[in-house]
C-alpha atoms as a PDB file:
ATOM      1  CA  MET A   1      -3.654 -20.458   1.107  1.00  0.00           C
ATOM      2  CA  THR A   2      -5.780 -18.551   3.536  1.00  0.00           C
ATOM      3  CA  LEU A   3      -6.453 -14.870   3.154  1.00  0.00           C
ATOM      4  CA  THR A   4      -5.381 -12.910   6.184  1.00  0.00           C
ATOM      5  CA  ASP A   5      -5.670  -9.179   6.750  1.00  0.00           C
ATOM      6  CA  GLU A   6      -2.063  -8.685   5.635  1.00  0.00           C
ATOM      7  CA  ASN A   7      -2.608 -10.639   2.406  1.00  0.00           C
ATOM      8  CA  ILE A   8      -5.765  -8.706   1.602  1.00  0.00           C
ATOM      9  CA  ARG A   9      -4.013  -5.404   2.277  1.00  0.00           C
ATOM     10  CA  ASP A  10      -1.122  -6.425   0.000  1.00  0.00           C
ATOM     11  CA  LEU A  11      -3.522  -7.451  -2.773  1.00  0.00           C
ATOM     12  CA  VAL A  12      -5.394  -4.141  -2.522  1.00  0.00           C
ATOM     13  CA  MET A  13      -2.129  -2.185  -2.690  1.00  0.00           C
ATOM     14  CA  VAL A  14      -0.902  -4.125  -5.735  1.00  0.00           C
ATOM     15  CA  PHE A  15      -4.273  -3.797  -7.475  1.00  0.00           C
ATOM     16  CA  THR A  16      -4.319  -0.044  -6.790  1.00  0.00           C
ATOM     17  CA  GLY A  17      -0.793   0.302  -8.156  1.00  0.00           C
ATOM     18  CA  VAL A  18      -1.714  -1.576 -11.323  1.00  0.00           C
ATOM     19  CA  LEU A  19      -4.799   0.613 -11.830  1.00  0.00           C
ATOM     20  CA  LEU A  20      -2.731   3.773 -11.374  1.00  0.00           C
ATOM     21  CA  LEU A  21      -0.165   2.442 -13.855  1.00  0.00           C
ATOM     22  CA  PHE A  22      -2.909   1.756 -16.421  1.00  0.00           C
ATOM     23  CA  ARG A  23      -4.254   5.271 -15.857  1.00  0.00           C
ATOM     24  CA  ARG A  24      -0.802   6.765 -16.378  1.00  0.00           C
ATOM     25  CA  VAL A  25      -0.234   4.810 -19.588  1.00  0.00           C
ATOM     26  CA  ALA A  26      -3.691   5.727 -20.899  1.00  0.00           C
ATOM     27  CA  GLN A  27      -3.015   9.435 -20.303  1.00  0.00           C
ATOM     28  CA  MET A  28       0.229   9.499 -22.309  1.00  0.00           C
ATOM     29  CA  GLU A  29      -0.084  12.103 -25.040  1.00  0.00           C
ATOM     30  CA  ARG A  30       2.649  10.808 -27.324  1.00  0.00           C
ATOM     31  CA  HIS A  31       3.700   7.300 -28.344  1.00  0.00           C
ATOM     32  CA  HIS A  32       0.212   6.174 -29.365  1.00  0.00           C
ATOM     33  CA  THR A  33       1.460   2.918 -30.953  1.00  0.00           C
ATOM     34  CA  LEU A  34       3.488   2.013 -27.859  1.00  0.00           C
ATOM     35  CA  ARG A  35       0.536   2.779 -25.596  1.00  0.00           C
ATOM     36  CA  VAL A  36      -1.839   0.618 -27.621  1.00  0.00           C
ATOM     37  CA  PHE A  37       0.711  -2.217 -27.756  1.00  0.00           C
ATOM     38  CA  LEU A  38       1.375  -2.169 -23.986  1.00  0.00           C
ATOM     39  CA  LEU A  39      -2.278  -2.054 -22.987  1.00  0.00           C
ATOM     40  CA  THR A  40      -3.214  -4.770 -25.491  1.00  0.00           C
ATOM     41  CA  ALA A  41      -0.340  -7.018 -24.396  1.00  0.00           C
ATOM     42  CA  VAL A  42      -1.023  -6.695 -20.666  1.00  0.00           C
ATOM     43  CA  LEU A  43      -4.767  -7.199 -20.962  1.00  0.00           C
ATOM     44  CA  SER A  44      -4.294 -10.103 -23.395  1.00  0.00           C
ATOM     45  CA  ILE A  45      -1.928 -11.864 -21.006  1.00  0.00           C
ATOM     46  CA  GLY A  46      -4.607 -11.674 -18.316  1.00  0.00           C
ATOM     47  CA  VAL A  47      -7.239 -13.139 -20.614  1.00  0.00           C
ATOM     48  CA  ILE A  48      -4.895 -15.899 -21.829  1.00  0.00           C
ATOM     49  CA  CYS A  49      -3.993 -16.892 -18.259  1.00  0.00           C
ATOM     50  CA  PHE A  50      -7.667 -16.939 -17.307  1.00  0.00           C
ATOM     51  CA  PHE A  51      -8.454 -19.152 -20.292  1.00  0.00           C
ATOM     52  CA  LEU A  52      -5.596 -21.532 -19.520  1.00  0.00           C
ATOM     53  CA  MET A  53      -6.701 -21.897 -15.903  1.00  0.00           C
ATOM     54  CA  PHE A  54     -10.464 -22.181 -16.396  1.00  0.00           C
ATOM     55  CA  GLY A  55     -11.176 -22.551 -20.097  1.00  0.00           C
ATOM     56  CA  PHE A  56      -9.811 -26.041 -20.555  1.00  0.00           C
ATOM     57  CA  THR A  57     -11.721 -27.382 -17.567  1.00  0.00           C
ATOM     58  CA  LEU A  58     -14.812 -25.194 -18.084  1.00  0.00           C
ATOM     59  CA  GLY A  59     -14.407 -23.826 -14.558  1.00  0.00           C
ATOM     60  CA  ASN A  60     -14.746 -27.298 -13.045  1.00  0.00           C
ATOM     61  CA  PRO A  61     -11.322 -28.860 -12.491  1.00  0.00           C
ATOM     62  CA  PRO A  62     -11.201 -32.656 -12.410  1.00  0.00           C
ATOM     63  CA  PRO A  63     -11.220 -34.089  -8.891  1.00  0.00           C
ATOM     64  CA  LEU A  64      -7.888 -35.268  -7.571  1.00  0.00           C
ATOM     65  CA  ARG A  65      -7.724 -38.966  -6.797  1.00  0.00           C
ATOM     66  CA  ASP A  66      -6.299 -40.126  -3.508  1.00  0.00           C
ATOM     67  CA  PRO A  67      -3.396 -42.497  -4.288  1.00  0.00           C
ATOM     68  CA  CYS A  68      -3.886 -44.234  -0.945  1.00  0.00           C
ATOM     69  CA  ASP A  69      -7.522 -45.132  -1.626  1.00  0.00           C
ATOM     70  CA  ILE A  70      -7.386 -48.944  -1.833  1.00  0.00           C
ATOM     71  CA  SER A  71     -11.008 -49.371  -2.946  1.00  0.00           C
ATOM     72  CA  ARG A  72     -10.210 -47.872  -6.372  1.00  0.00           C
ATOM     73  CA  GLN A  73      -7.089 -49.897  -7.011  1.00  0.00           C
ATOM     74  CA  GLN A  74      -7.389 -53.052  -9.073  1.00  0.00           C
ATOM     75  CA  PHE A  75      -5.248 -56.059  -8.375  1.00  0.00           C
ATOM     76  CA  CYS A  76      -4.516 -59.024 -10.595  1.00  0.00           C
ATOM     77  CA  LEU A  77      -3.969 -62.198  -8.622  1.00  0.00           C
ATOM     78  CA  THR A  78      -2.179 -65.112 -10.227  1.00  0.00           C
ATOM     79  CA  GLU A  79      -1.019 -68.359  -8.730  1.00  0.00           C
END
């Protein structure tokens, strides 16, 4: 995926919308328990996804092997 001007603009708009939503939720005067639950859940999901993507591989994903690379394949010849 290449980042074009349209993709970057869309990402900035979505990120701005999410920040404004967080600001709105943080400014709620009532429903303290609901506010804490929503903010904790959303931020935890982000951390969990980050850990699942990079934590298991320590930020260095294993290289993909080319299935067509004949030099790595082993053959057993019998007569």
